[in-house]
Amino acid sequence: MALYALIGAVLGVLLRRALVVSLVYAIAIDGMIANLTGKTSRLSIPYWLRSLAVDMTVETWSRIRSLTMLPAKLASHDEAATRLVWIAVFLVVVGARLVRRKQYVLTS
């Protein structure tokens, strides 16, 4: 959720209707990308959250994977945590730079 909030904050600096755009991204676009096969799903936040939450060494998760649409190969826990932290850092830096460069003028 924090990553989606960061995405919404960065979009809020750029766009007037950022809430609508960020909701469309979170629900439609990111959800669709997460369920694609192959390496394309690595472009979505849910893939990395699944990789962090699922422990494939446990037999129960192997059975669930065969029943659901989980990607065949998930990333390791360390790689998923590192990737999520880097995404958050990138969004904070981009948002800070955008706020710094934008002029906010009070209208009266």
PDB file of N, CA and C in Angstrom:
ATOM      1  N   MET A   1       0.814  -1.187   0.000  1.00  0.00           N
ATOM      2  CA  MET A   1       0.000   0.000   0.000  1.00  0.00           C
ATOM      3  C   MET A   1       0.861   1.257   0.000  1.00  0.00           C
ATOM      4  N   ALA A   2       1.989   1.200   0.663  1.00  0.00           N
ATOM      5  CA  ALA A   2       2.848   2.387   0.718  1.00  0.00           C
ATOM      6  C   ALA A   2       3.378   2.748  -0.666  1.00  0.00           C
ATOM      7  N   LEU A   3       3.670   1.741  -1.469  1.00  0.00           N
ATOM      8  CA  LEU A   3       4.157   2.028  -2.816  1.00  0.00           C
ATOM      9  C   LEU A   3       3.084   2.663  -3.679  1.00  0.00           C
ATOM     10  N   TYR A   4       1.852   2.216  -3.527  1.00  0.00           N
ATOM     11  CA  TYR A   4       0.767   2.842  -4.281  1.00  0.00           C
ATOM     12  C   TYR A   4       0.520   4.265  -3.795  1.00  0.00           C
ATOM     13  N   ALA A   5       0.692   4.514  -2.501  1.00  0.00           N
ATOM     14  CA  ALA A   5       0.561   5.876  -1.980  1.00  0.00           C
ATOM     15  C   ALA A   5       1.659   6.769  -2.540  1.00  0.00           C
ATOM     16  N   LEU A   6       2.871   6.236  -2.655  1.00  0.00           N
ATOM     17  CA  LEU A   6       3.964   7.006  -3.254  1.00  0.00           C
ATOM     18  C   LEU A   6       3.702   7.293  -4.726  1.00  0.00           C
ATOM     19  N   ILE A   7       3.172   6.318  -5.434  1.00  0.00           N
ATOM     20  CA  ILE A   7       2.832   6.536  -6.841  1.00  0.00           C
ATOM     21  C   ILE A   7       1.768   7.623  -6.953  1.00  0.00           C
ATOM     22  N   GLY A   8       0.762   7.566  -6.094  1.00  0.00           N
ATOM     23  CA  GLY A   8      -0.278   8.585  -6.098  1.00  0.00           C
ATOM     24  C   GLY A   8       0.257   9.960  -5.744  1.00  0.00           C
ATOM     25  N   ALA A   9       1.221  10.024  -4.821  1.00  0.00           N
ATOM     26  CA  ALA A   9       1.808  11.312  -4.450  1.00  0.00           C
ATOM     27  C   ALA A   9       2.614  11.905  -5.601  1.00  0.00           C
ATOM     28  N   VAL A  10       3.380  11.074  -6.284  1.00  0.00           N
ATOM     29  CA  VAL A  10       4.165  11.563  -7.425  1.00  0.00           C
ATOM     30  C   VAL A  10       3.227  12.024  -8.539  1.00  0.00           C
ATOM     31  N   LEU A  11       2.174  11.269  -8.785  1.00  0.00           N
ATOM     32  CA  LEU A  11       1.213  11.675  -9.805  1.00  0.00           C
ATOM     33  C   LEU A  11       0.465  12.940  -9.388  1.00  0.00           C
ATOM     34  N   GLY A  12       0.277  13.125  -8.081  1.00  0.00           N
ATOM     35  CA  GLY A  12      -0.389  14.318  -7.583  1.00  0.00           C
ATOM     36  C   GLY A  12       0.384  15.588  -7.860  1.00  0.00           C
ATOM     37  N   VAL A  13       1.695  15.471  -7.937  1.00  0.00           N
ATOM     38  CA  VAL A  13       2.519  16.636  -8.277  1.00  0.00           C
ATOM     39  C   VAL A  13       2.388  16.948  -9.768  1.00  0.00           C
ATOM     40  N   LEU A  14       2.222  15.915 -10.568  1.00  0.00           N
ATOM     41  CA  LEU A  14       2.200  16.094 -12.022  1.00  0.00           C
ATOM     42  C   LEU A  14       0.823  16.409 -12.592  1.00  0.00           C
ATOM     43  N   LEU A  15      -0.228  15.797 -12.050  1.00  0.00           N
ATOM     44  CA  LEU A  15      -1.553  15.862 -12.666  1.00  0.00           C
ATOM     45  C   LEU A  15      -2.585  16.479 -11.734  1.00  0.00           C
ATOM     46  N   ARG A  16      -3.658  16.977 -12.337  1.00  0.00           N
ATOM     47  CA  ARG A  16      -4.752  17.531 -11.539  1.00  0.00           C
ATOM     48  C   ARG A  16      -5.632  16.430 -10.958  1.00  0.00           C
ATOM     49  N   ARG A  17      -5.950  15.439 -11.723  1.00  0.00           N
ATOM     50  CA  ARG A  17      -6.813  14.349 -11.274  1.00  0.00           C
ATOM     51  C   ARG A  17      -5.979  13.107 -10.968  1.00  0.00           C
ATOM     52  N   ALA A  18      -5.038  13.257 -10.085  1.00  0.00           N
ATOM     53  CA  ALA A  18      -4.095  12.178  -9.803  1.00  0.00           C
ATOM     54  C   ALA A  18      -4.753  10.996  -9.106  1.00  0.00           C
ATOM     55  N   LEU A  19      -5.770  11.237  -8.296  1.00  0.00           N
ATOM     56  CA  LEU A  19      -6.430  10.144  -7.591  1.00  0.00           C
ATOM     57  C   LEU A  19      -7.067   9.170  -8.574  1.00  0.00           C
ATOM     58  N   VAL A  20      -7.705   9.694  -9.591  1.00  0.00           N
ATOM     59  CA  VAL A  20      -8.349   8.842 -10.596  1.00  0.00           C
ATOM     60  C   VAL A  20      -7.292   8.042 -11.355  1.00  0.00           C
ATOM     61  N   VAL A  21      -6.231   8.707 -11.764  1.00  0.00           N
ATOM     62  CA  VAL A  21      -5.171   8.031 -12.529  1.00  0.00           C
ATOM     63  C   VAL A  21      -4.487   6.968 -11.677  1.00  0.00           C
ATOM     64  N   SER A  22      -4.196   7.268 -10.418  1.00  0.00           N
ATOM     65  CA  SER A  22      -3.508   6.294  -9.575  1.00  0.00           C
ATOM     66  C   SER A  22      -4.413   5.111  -9.238  1.00  0.00           C
ATOM     67  N   LEU A  23      -5.711   5.330  -9.077  1.00  0.00           N
ATOM     68  CA  LEU A  23      -6.629   4.212  -8.857  1.00  0.00           C
ATOM     69  C   LEU A  23      -6.739   3.333 -10.090  1.00  0.00           C
ATOM     70  N   VAL A  24      -6.804   3.944 -11.255  1.00  0.00           N
ATOM     71  CA  VAL A  24      -6.842   3.161 -12.503  1.00  0.00           C
ATOM     72  C   VAL A  24      -5.565   2.352 -12.639  1.00  0.00           C
ATOM     73  N   TYR A  25      -4.433   2.960 -12.311  1.00  0.00           N
ATOM     74  CA  TYR A  25      -3.173   2.215 -12.391  1.00  0.00           C
ATOM     75  C   TYR A  25      -3.161   1.048 -11.402  1.00  0.00           C
ATOM     76  N   ALA A  26      -3.528   1.316 -10.159  1.00  0.00           N
ATOM     77  CA  ALA A  26      -3.452   0.283  -9.121  1.00  0.00           C
ATOM     78  C   ALA A  26      -4.416  -0.864  -9.380  1.00  0.00           C
ATOM     79  N   ILE A  27      -5.618  -0.547  -9.829  1.00  0.00           N
ATOM     80  CA  ILE A  27      -6.634  -1.594  -9.994  1.00  0.00           C
ATOM     81  C   ILE A  27      -6.546  -2.264 -11.360  1.00  0.00           C
ATOM     82  N   ALA A  28      -6.501  -1.489 -12.402  1.00  0.00           N
ATOM     83  CA  ALA A  28      -6.603  -2.068 -13.745  1.00  0.00           C
ATOM     84  C   ALA A  28      -5.248  -2.441 -14.331  1.00  0.00           C
ATOM     85  N   ILE A  29      -4.373  -1.487 -14.433  1.00  0.00           N
ATOM     86  CA  ILE A  29      -3.126  -1.714 -15.170  1.00  0.00           C
ATOM     87  C   ILE A  29      -2.187  -2.636 -14.408  1.00  0.00           C
ATOM     88  N   ASP A  30      -1.918  -2.325 -13.131  1.00  0.00           N
ATOM     89  CA  ASP A  30      -0.988  -3.144 -12.360  1.00  0.00           C
ATOM     90  C   ASP A  30      -1.551  -4.536 -12.112  1.00  0.00           C
ATOM     91  N   GLY A  31      -2.862  -4.637 -11.920  1.00  0.00           N
ATOM     92  CA  GLY A  31      -3.480  -5.944 -11.758  1.00  0.00           C
ATOM     93  C   GLY A  31      -3.388  -6.795 -13.003  1.00  0.00           C
ATOM     94  N   MET A  32      -3.531  -6.158 -14.162  1.00  0.00           N
ATOM     95  CA  MET A  32      -3.434  -6.884 -15.422  1.00  0.00           C
ATOM     96  C   MET A  32      -1.995  -7.343 -15.676  1.00  0.00           C
ATOM     97  N   ILE A  33      -1.039  -6.447 -15.437  1.00  0.00           N
ATOM     98  CA  ILE A  33       0.363  -6.793 -15.665  1.00  0.00           C
ATOM     99  C   ILE A  33       0.810  -7.915 -14.728  1.00  0.00           C
ATOM    100  N   ALA A  34       0.308  -7.909 -13.497  1.00  0.00           N
ATOM    101  CA  ALA A  34       0.707  -8.926 -12.516  1.00  0.00           C
ATOM    102  C   ALA A  34       0.281 -10.324 -12.925  1.00  0.00           C
ATOM    103  N   ASN A  35      -0.777 -10.444 -13.699  1.00  0.00           N
ATOM    104  CA  ASN A  35      -1.279 -11.759 -14.087  1.00  0.00           C
ATOM    105  C   ASN A  35      -0.802 -12.218 -15.456  1.00  0.00           C
ATOM    106  N   LEU A  36       0.036 -11.442 -16.113  1.00  0.00           N
ATOM    107  CA  LEU A  36       0.599 -11.886 -17.385  1.00  0.00           C
ATOM    108  C   LEU A  36       1.658 -12.942 -17.140  1.00  0.00           C
ATOM    109  N   THR A  37       1.880 -13.771 -18.118  1.00  0.00           N
ATOM    110  CA  THR A  37       2.860 -14.833 -17.969  1.00  0.00           C
ATOM    111  C   THR A  37       4.248 -14.352 -18.370  1.00  0.00           C
ATOM    112  N   GLY A  38       5.228 -15.120 -18.030  1.00  0.00           N
ATOM    113  CA  GLY A  38       6.602 -14.791 -18.390  1.00  0.00           C
ATOM    114  C   GLY A  38       7.196 -13.739 -17.478  1.00  0.00           C
ATOM    115  N   LYS A  39       8.184 -13.045 -17.991  1.00  0.00           N
ATOM    116  CA  LYS A  39       8.891 -12.046 -17.194  1.00  0.00           C
ATOM    117  C   LYS A  39       8.178 -10.710 -17.141  1.00  0.00           C
ATOM    118  N   THR A  40       7.086 -10.563 -17.869  1.00  0.00           N
ATOM    119  CA  THR A  40       6.343  -9.314 -17.865  1.00  0.00           C
ATOM    120  C   THR A  40       5.760  -9.016 -16.494  1.00  0.00           C
ATOM    121  N   SER A  41       5.393 -10.052 -15.749  1.00  0.00           N
ATOM    122  CA  SER A  41       4.797  -9.831 -14.435  1.00  0.00           C
ATOM    123  C   SER A  41       5.778  -9.199 -13.452  1.00  0.00           C
ATOM    124  N   ARG A  42       7.088  -9.257 -13.755  1.00  0.00           N
ATOM    125  CA  ARG A  42       8.084  -8.633 -12.881  1.00  0.00           C
ATOM    126  C   ARG A  42       8.002  -7.107 -12.893  1.00  0.00           C
ATOM    127  N   LEU A  43       7.223  -6.543 -13.802  1.00  0.00           N
ATOM    128  CA  LEU A  43       7.065  -5.096 -13.875  1.00  0.00           C
ATOM    129  C   LEU A  43       5.992  -4.575 -12.923  1.00  0.00           C
ATOM    130  N   SER A  44       5.357  -5.462 -12.183  1.00  0.00           N
ATOM    131  CA  SER A  44       4.265  -5.042 -11.313  1.00  0.00           C
ATOM    132  C   SER A  44       4.643  -5.189  -9.842  1.00  0.00           C
ATOM    133  N   ILE A  45       4.006  -4.403  -9.021  1.00  0.00           N
ATOM    134  CA  ILE A  45       4.245  -4.453  -7.580  1.00  0.00           C
ATOM    135  C   ILE A  45       3.693  -5.741  -6.966  1.00  0.00           C
ATOM    136  N   PRO A  46       2.510  -6.236  -7.380  1.00  0.00           N
ATOM    137  CA  PRO A  46       2.016  -7.483  -6.781  1.00  0.00           C
ATOM    138  C   PRO A  46       2.941  -8.682  -6.973  1.00  0.00           C
ATOM    139  N   TYR A  47       3.690  -8.726  -8.055  1.00  0.00           N
ATOM    140  CA  TYR A  47       4.636  -9.828  -8.249  1.00  0.00           C
ATOM    141  C   TYR A  47       5.665  -9.845  -7.125  1.00  0.00           C
ATOM    142  N   TRP A  48       6.221  -8.675  -6.812  1.00  0.00           N
ATOM    143  CA  TRP A  48       7.247  -8.603  -5.774  1.00  0.00           C
ATOM    144  C   TRP A  48       6.660  -8.831  -4.387  1.00  0.00           C
ATOM    145  N   LEU A  49       5.418  -8.405  -4.172  1.00  0.00           N
ATOM    146  CA  LEU A  49       4.758  -8.681  -2.895  1.00  0.00           C
ATOM    147  C   LEU A  49       4.452 -10.170  -2.747  1.00  0.00           C
ATOM    148  N   ARG A  50       4.036 -10.818  -3.838  1.00  0.00           N
ATOM    149  CA  ARG A  50       3.831 -12.279  -3.801  1.00  0.00           C
ATOM    150  C   ARG A  50       5.135 -12.996  -3.500  1.00  0.00           C
ATOM    151  N   SER A  51       6.206 -12.543  -4.137  1.00  0.00           N
ATOM    152  CA  SER A  51       7.501 -13.185  -3.921  1.00  0.00           C
ATOM    153  C   SER A  51       7.941 -13.036  -2.475  1.00  0.00           C
ATOM    154  N   LEU A  52       7.599 -11.934  -1.866  1.00  0.00           N
ATOM    155  CA  LEU A  52       7.962 -11.701  -0.477  1.00  0.00           C
ATOM    156  C   LEU A  52       7.096 -12.532   0.465  1.00  0.00           C
ATOM    157  N   ALA A  53       5.827 -12.724   0.122  1.00  0.00           N
ATOM    158  CA  ALA A  53       4.893 -13.402   1.018  1.00  0.00           C
ATOM    159  C   ALA A  53       4.907 -14.924   0.886  1.00  0.00           C
ATOM    160  N   VAL A  54       5.181 -15.421  -0.302  1.00  0.00           N
ATOM    161  CA  VAL A  54       5.066 -16.858  -0.554  1.00  0.00           C
ATOM    162  C   VAL A  54       6.395 -17.544  -0.285  1.00  0.00           C
ATOM    163  N   ASP A  55       6.331 -18.617   0.480  1.00  0.00           N
ATOM    164  CA  ASP A  55       7.514 -19.442   0.736  1.00  0.00           C
ATOM    165  C   ASP A  55       7.335 -20.743  -0.039  1.00  0.00           C
ATOM    166  N   MET A  56       8.035 -20.851  -1.166  1.00  0.00           N
ATOM    167  CA  MET A  56       7.840 -22.007  -2.043  1.00  0.00           C
ATOM    168  C   MET A  56       8.432 -23.293  -1.484  1.00  0.00           C
ATOM    169  N   THR A  57       9.197 -23.213  -0.392  1.00  0.00           N
ATOM    170  CA  THR A  57       9.733 -24.430   0.193  1.00  0.00           C
ATOM    171  C   THR A  57       8.665 -25.190   0.973  1.00  0.00           C
ATOM    172  N   VAL A  58       7.583 -24.529   1.338  1.00  0.00           N
ATOM    173  CA  VAL A  58       6.490 -25.180   2.052  1.00  0.00           C
ATOM    174  C   VAL A  58       5.586 -25.870   1.035  1.00  0.00           C
ATOM    175  N   GLU A  59       5.184 -27.092   1.340  1.00  0.00           N
ATOM    176  CA  GLU A  59       4.403 -27.887   0.390  1.00  0.00           C
ATOM    177  C   GLU A  59       3.032 -27.273   0.109  1.00  0.00           C
ATOM    178  N   THR A  60       2.455 -26.604   1.093  1.00  0.00           N
ATOM    179  CA  THR A  60       1.130 -25.997   0.906  1.00  0.00           C
ATOM    180  C   THR A  60       1.154 -24.965  -0.203  1.00  0.00           C
ATOM    181  N   TRP A  61       2.201 -24.140  -0.253  1.00  0.00           N
ATOM    182  CA  TRP A  61       2.288 -23.122  -1.306  1.00  0.00           C
ATOM    183  C   TRP A  61       2.449 -23.759  -2.671  1.00  0.00           C
ATOM    184  N   SER A  62       3.117 -24.884  -2.752  1.00  0.00           N
ATOM    185  CA  SER A  62       3.257 -25.577  -4.032  1.00  0.00           C
ATOM    186  C   SER A  62       1.891 -26.049  -4.541  1.00  0.00           C
ATOM    187  N   ARG A  63       1.065 -26.546  -3.634  1.00  0.00           N
ATOM    188  CA  ARG A  63      -0.275 -26.971  -4.033  1.00  0.00           C
ATOM    189  C   ARG A  63      -1.133 -25.778  -4.461  1.00  0.00           C
ATOM    190  N   ILE A  64      -1.039 -24.672  -3.729  1.00  0.00           N
ATOM    191  CA  ILE A  64      -1.808 -23.474  -4.075  1.00  0.00           C
ATOM    192  C   ILE A  64      -1.368 -22.952  -5.436  1.00  0.00           C
ATOM    193  N   ARG A  65      -0.067 -22.976  -5.709  1.00  0.00           N
ATOM    194  CA  ARG A  65       0.427 -22.503  -7.005  1.00  0.00           C
ATOM    195  C   ARG A  65      -0.146 -23.322  -8.145  1.00  0.00           C
ATOM    196  N   SER A  66      -0.309 -24.615  -7.947  1.00  0.00           N
ATOM    197  CA  SER A  66      -0.866 -25.442  -9.013  1.00  0.00           C
ATOM    198  C   SER A  66      -2.353 -25.160  -9.226  1.00  0.00           C
ATOM    199  N   LEU A  67      -3.057 -24.649  -8.221  1.00  0.00           N
ATOM    200  CA  LEU A  67      -4.482 -24.359  -8.353  1.00  0.00           C
ATOM    201  C   LEU A  67      -4.758 -22.948  -8.858  1.00  0.00           C
ATOM    202  N   THR A  68      -3.876 -22.009  -8.573  1.00  0.00           N
ATOM    203  CA  THR A  68      -4.126 -20.611  -8.918  1.00  0.00           C
ATOM    204  C   THR A  68      -3.252 -20.167 -10.063  1.00  0.00           C
ATOM    205  N   MET A  69      -3.314 -18.876 -10.347  1.00  0.00           N
ATOM    206  CA  MET A  69      -2.562 -18.306 -11.460  1.00  0.00           C
ATOM    207  C   MET A  69      -1.249 -17.681 -10.998  1.00  0.00           C
ATOM    208  N   LEU A  70      -0.662 -18.202  -9.951  1.00  0.00           N
ATOM    209  CA  LEU A  70       0.626 -17.660  -9.531  1.00  0.00           C
ATOM    210  C   LEU A  70       1.671 -17.918 -10.605  1.00  0.00           C
ATOM    211  N   PRO A  71       2.591 -16.976 -10.811  1.00  0.00           N
ATOM    212  CA  PRO A  71       3.637 -17.219 -11.803  1.00  0.00           C
ATOM    213  C   PRO A  71       4.452 -18.460 -11.437  1.00  0.00           C
ATOM    214  N   ALA A  72       4.981 -19.101 -12.448  1.00  0.00           N
ATOM    215  CA  ALA A  72       5.706 -20.344 -12.224  1.00  0.00           C
ATOM    216  C   ALA A  72       6.957 -20.122 -11.385  1.00  0.00           C
ATOM    217  N   LYS A  73       7.636 -19.016 -11.556  1.00  0.00           N
ATOM    218  CA  LYS A  73       8.874 -18.777 -10.825  1.00  0.00           C
ATOM    219  C   LYS A  73       8.777 -17.441 -10.111  1.00  0.00           C
ATOM    220  N   LEU A  74       8.903 -17.480  -8.809  1.00  0.00           N
ATOM    221  CA  LEU A  74       8.887 -16.266  -8.014  1.00  0.00           C
ATOM    222  C   LEU A  74      10.314 -15.914  -7.622  1.00  0.00           C
ATOM    223  N   ALA A  75      10.529 -14.664  -7.294  1.00  0.00           N
ATOM    224  CA  ALA A  75      11.858 -14.208  -6.887  1.00  0.00           C
ATOM    225  C   ALA A  75      12.125 -14.631  -5.438  1.00  0.00           C
ATOM    226  N   SER A  76      13.384 -14.573  -5.045  1.00  0.00           N
ATOM    227  CA  SER A  76      13.735 -14.895  -3.658  1.00  0.00           C
ATOM    228  C   SER A  76      13.262 -13.777  -2.740  1.00  0.00           C
ATOM    229  N   HIS A  77      13.192 -14.103  -1.451  1.00  0.00           N
ATOM    230  CA  HIS A  77      12.735 -13.115  -0.470  1.00  0.00           C
ATOM    231  C   HIS A  77      13.648 -11.897  -0.430  1.00  0.00           C
ATOM    232  N   ASP A  78      14.942 -12.136  -0.468  1.00  0.00           N
ATOM    233  CA  ASP A  78      15.899 -11.019  -0.410  1.00  0.00           C
ATOM    234  C   ASP A  78      15.781 -10.124  -1.638  1.00  0.00           C
ATOM    235  N   GLU A  79      15.663 -10.732  -2.806  1.00  0.00           N
ATOM    236  CA  GLU A  79      15.540  -9.945  -4.033  1.00  0.00           C
ATOM    237  C   GLU A  79      14.243  -9.139  -4.047  1.00  0.00           C
ATOM    238  N   ALA A  80      13.153  -9.739  -3.579  1.00  0.00           N
ATOM    239  CA  ALA A  80      11.868  -9.046  -3.560  1.00  0.00           C
ATOM    240  C   ALA A  80      11.904  -7.867  -2.591  1.00  0.00           C
ATOM    241  N   ALA A  81      12.454  -8.073  -1.402  1.00  0.00           N
ATOM    242  CA  ALA A  81      12.533  -6.979  -0.424  1.00  0.00           C
ATOM    243  C   ALA A  81      13.422  -5.855  -0.941  1.00  0.00           C
ATOM    244  N   THR A  82      14.546  -6.210  -1.535  1.00  0.00           N
ATOM    245  CA  THR A  82      15.449  -5.201  -2.082  1.00  0.00           C
ATOM    246  C   THR A  82      14.780  -4.425  -3.203  1.00  0.00           C
ATOM    247  N   ARG A  83      14.086  -5.113  -4.088  1.00  0.00           N
ATOM    248  CA  ARG A  83      13.422  -4.456  -5.206  1.00  0.00           C
ATOM    249  C   ARG A  83      12.330  -3.502  -4.725  1.00  0.00           C
ATOM    250  N   LEU A  84      11.544  -3.923  -3.736  1.00  0.00           N
ATOM    251  CA  LEU A  84      10.493  -3.049  -3.206  1.00  0.00           C
ATOM    252  C   LEU A  84      11.073  -1.808  -2.534  1.00  0.00           C
ATOM    253  N   VAL A  85      12.172  -1.969  -1.825  1.00  0.00           N
ATOM    254  CA  VAL A  85      12.817  -0.806  -1.198  1.00  0.00           C
ATOM    255  C   VAL A  85      13.352   0.137  -2.267  1.00  0.00           C
ATOM    256  N   TRP A  86      13.959  -0.396  -3.318  1.00  0.00           N
ATOM    257  CA  TRP A  86      14.479   0.461  -4.385  1.00  0.00           C
ATOM    258  C   TRP A  86      13.368   1.194  -5.124  1.00  0.00           C
ATOM    259  N   ILE A  87      12.241   0.545  -5.314  1.00  0.00           N
ATOM    260  CA  ILE A  87      11.102   1.217  -5.939  1.00  0.00           C
ATOM    261  C   ILE A  87      10.636   2.370  -5.070  1.00  0.00           C
ATOM    262  N   ALA A  88      10.544   2.140  -3.756  1.00  0.00           N
ATOM    263  CA  ALA A  88      10.114   3.206  -2.840  1.00  0.00           C
ATOM    264  C   ALA A  88      11.106   4.362  -2.829  1.00  0.00           C
ATOM    265  N   VAL A  89      12.397   4.060  -2.802  1.00  0.00           N
ATOM    266  CA  VAL A  89      13.422   5.116  -2.807  1.00  0.00           C
ATOM    267  C   VAL A  89      13.350   5.910  -4.103  1.00  0.00           C
ATOM    268  N   PHE A  90      13.180   5.227  -5.218  1.00  0.00           N
ATOM    269  CA  PHE A  90      13.079   5.903  -6.511  1.00  0.00           C
ATOM    270  C   PHE A  90      11.873   6.844  -6.535  1.00  0.00           C
ATOM    271  N   LEU A  91      10.729   6.380  -6.051  1.00  0.00           N
ATOM    272  CA  LEU A  91       9.538   7.221  -6.047  1.00  0.00           C
ATOM    273  C   LEU A  91       9.686   8.428  -5.126  1.00  0.00           C
ATOM    274  N   VAL A  92      10.334   8.254  -3.986  1.00  0.00           N
ATOM    275  CA  VAL A  92      10.554   9.380  -3.070  1.00  0.00           C
ATOM    276  C   VAL A  92      11.480  10.409  -3.708  1.00  0.00           C
ATOM    277  N   VAL A  93      12.546   9.950  -4.351  1.00  0.00           N
ATOM    278  CA  VAL A  93      13.496  10.876  -4.985  1.00  0.00           C
ATOM    279  C   VAL A  93      12.829  11.625  -6.136  1.00  0.00           C
ATOM    280  N   VAL A  94      12.100  10.912  -6.976  1.00  0.00           N
ATOM    281  CA  VAL A  94      11.420  11.570  -8.095  1.00  0.00           C
ATOM    282  C   VAL A  94      10.387  12.566  -7.579  1.00  0.00           C
ATOM    283  N   GLY A  95       9.608  12.176  -6.582  1.00  0.00           N
ATOM    284  CA  GLY A  95       8.617  13.081  -6.011  1.00  0.00           C
ATOM    285  C   GLY A  95       9.247  14.308  -5.384  1.00  0.00           C
ATOM    286  N   ALA A  96      10.348  14.133  -4.672  1.00  0.00           N
ATOM    287  CA  ALA A  96      11.025  15.272  -4.051  1.00  0.00           C
ATOM    288  C   ALA A  96      11.583  16.226  -5.104  1.00  0.00           C
ATOM    289  N   ARG A  97      12.142  15.674  -6.150  1.00  0.00           N
ATOM    290  CA  ARG A  97      12.667  16.537  -7.222  1.00  0.00           C
ATOM    291  C   ARG A  97      11.557  17.302  -7.933  1.00  0.00           C
ATOM    292  N   LEU A  98      10.431  16.644  -8.147  1.00  0.00           N
ATOM    293  CA  LEU A  98       9.311  17.313  -8.802  1.00  0.00           C
ATOM    294  C   LEU A  98       8.739  18.426  -7.930  1.00  0.00           C
ATOM    295  N   VAL A  99       8.612  18.177  -6.641  1.00  0.00           N
ATOM    296  CA  VAL A  99       8.105  19.207  -5.739  1.00  0.00           C
ATOM    297  C   VAL A  99       9.081  20.370  -5.665  1.00  0.00           C
ATOM    298  N   ARG A 100      10.356  20.070  -5.661  1.00  0.00           N
ATOM    299  CA  ARG A 100      11.371  21.118  -5.585  1.00  0.00           C
ATOM    300  C   ARG A 100      11.361  22.008  -6.825  1.00  0.00           C
ATOM    301  N   ARG A 101      11.118  21.435  -7.981  1.00  0.00           N
ATOM    302  CA  ARG A 101      11.160  22.191  -9.229  1.00  0.00           C
ATOM    303  C   ARG A 101       9.845  22.901  -9.544  1.00  0.00           C
ATOM    304  N   LYS A 102       8.769  22.466  -8.954  1.00  0.00           N
ATOM    305  CA  LYS A 102       7.469  23.049  -9.267  1.00  0.00           C
ATOM    306  C   LYS A 102       7.225  24.281  -8.405  1.00  0.00           C
ATOM    307  N   GLN A 103       6.635  25.297  -9.001  1.00  0.00           N
ATOM    308  CA  GLN A 103       6.312  26.508  -8.265  1.00  0.00           C
ATOM    309  C   GLN A 103       4.861  26.461  -7.843  1.00  0.00           C
ATOM    310  N   TYR A 104       4.661  26.490  -6.555  1.00  0.00           N
ATOM    311  CA  TYR A 104       3.309  26.527  -6.027  1.00  0.00           C
ATOM    312  C   TYR A 104       2.982  27.970  -5.661  1.00  0.00           C
ATOM    313  N   VAL A 105       1.984  28.523  -6.335  1.00  0.00           N
ATOM    314  CA  VAL A 105       1.598  29.918  -6.135  1.00  0.00           C
ATOM    315  C   VAL A 105       0.183  29.939  -5.586  1.00  0.00           C
ATOM    316  N   LEU A 106      -0.030  30.708  -4.541  1.00  0.00           N
ATOM    317  CA  LEU A 106      -1.360  30.831  -3.970  1.00  0.00           C
ATOM    318  C   LEU A 106      -2.233  31.680  -4.882  1.00  0.00           C
ATOM    319  N   THR A 107      -3.411  31.208  -5.149  1.00  0.00           N
ATOM    320  CA  THR A 107      -4.359  31.982  -5.949  1.00  0.00           C
ATOM    321  C   THR A 107      -5.340  32.645  -4.999  1.00  0.00           C
ATOM    322  N   SER A 108      -5.567  33.931  -5.178  1.00  0.00           N
ATOM    323  CA  SER A 108      -6.499  34.615  -4.293  1.00  0.00           C
ATOM    324  C   SER A 108      -7.483  35.446  -5.060  1.00  0.00           C
TER     325      SER A 108
END
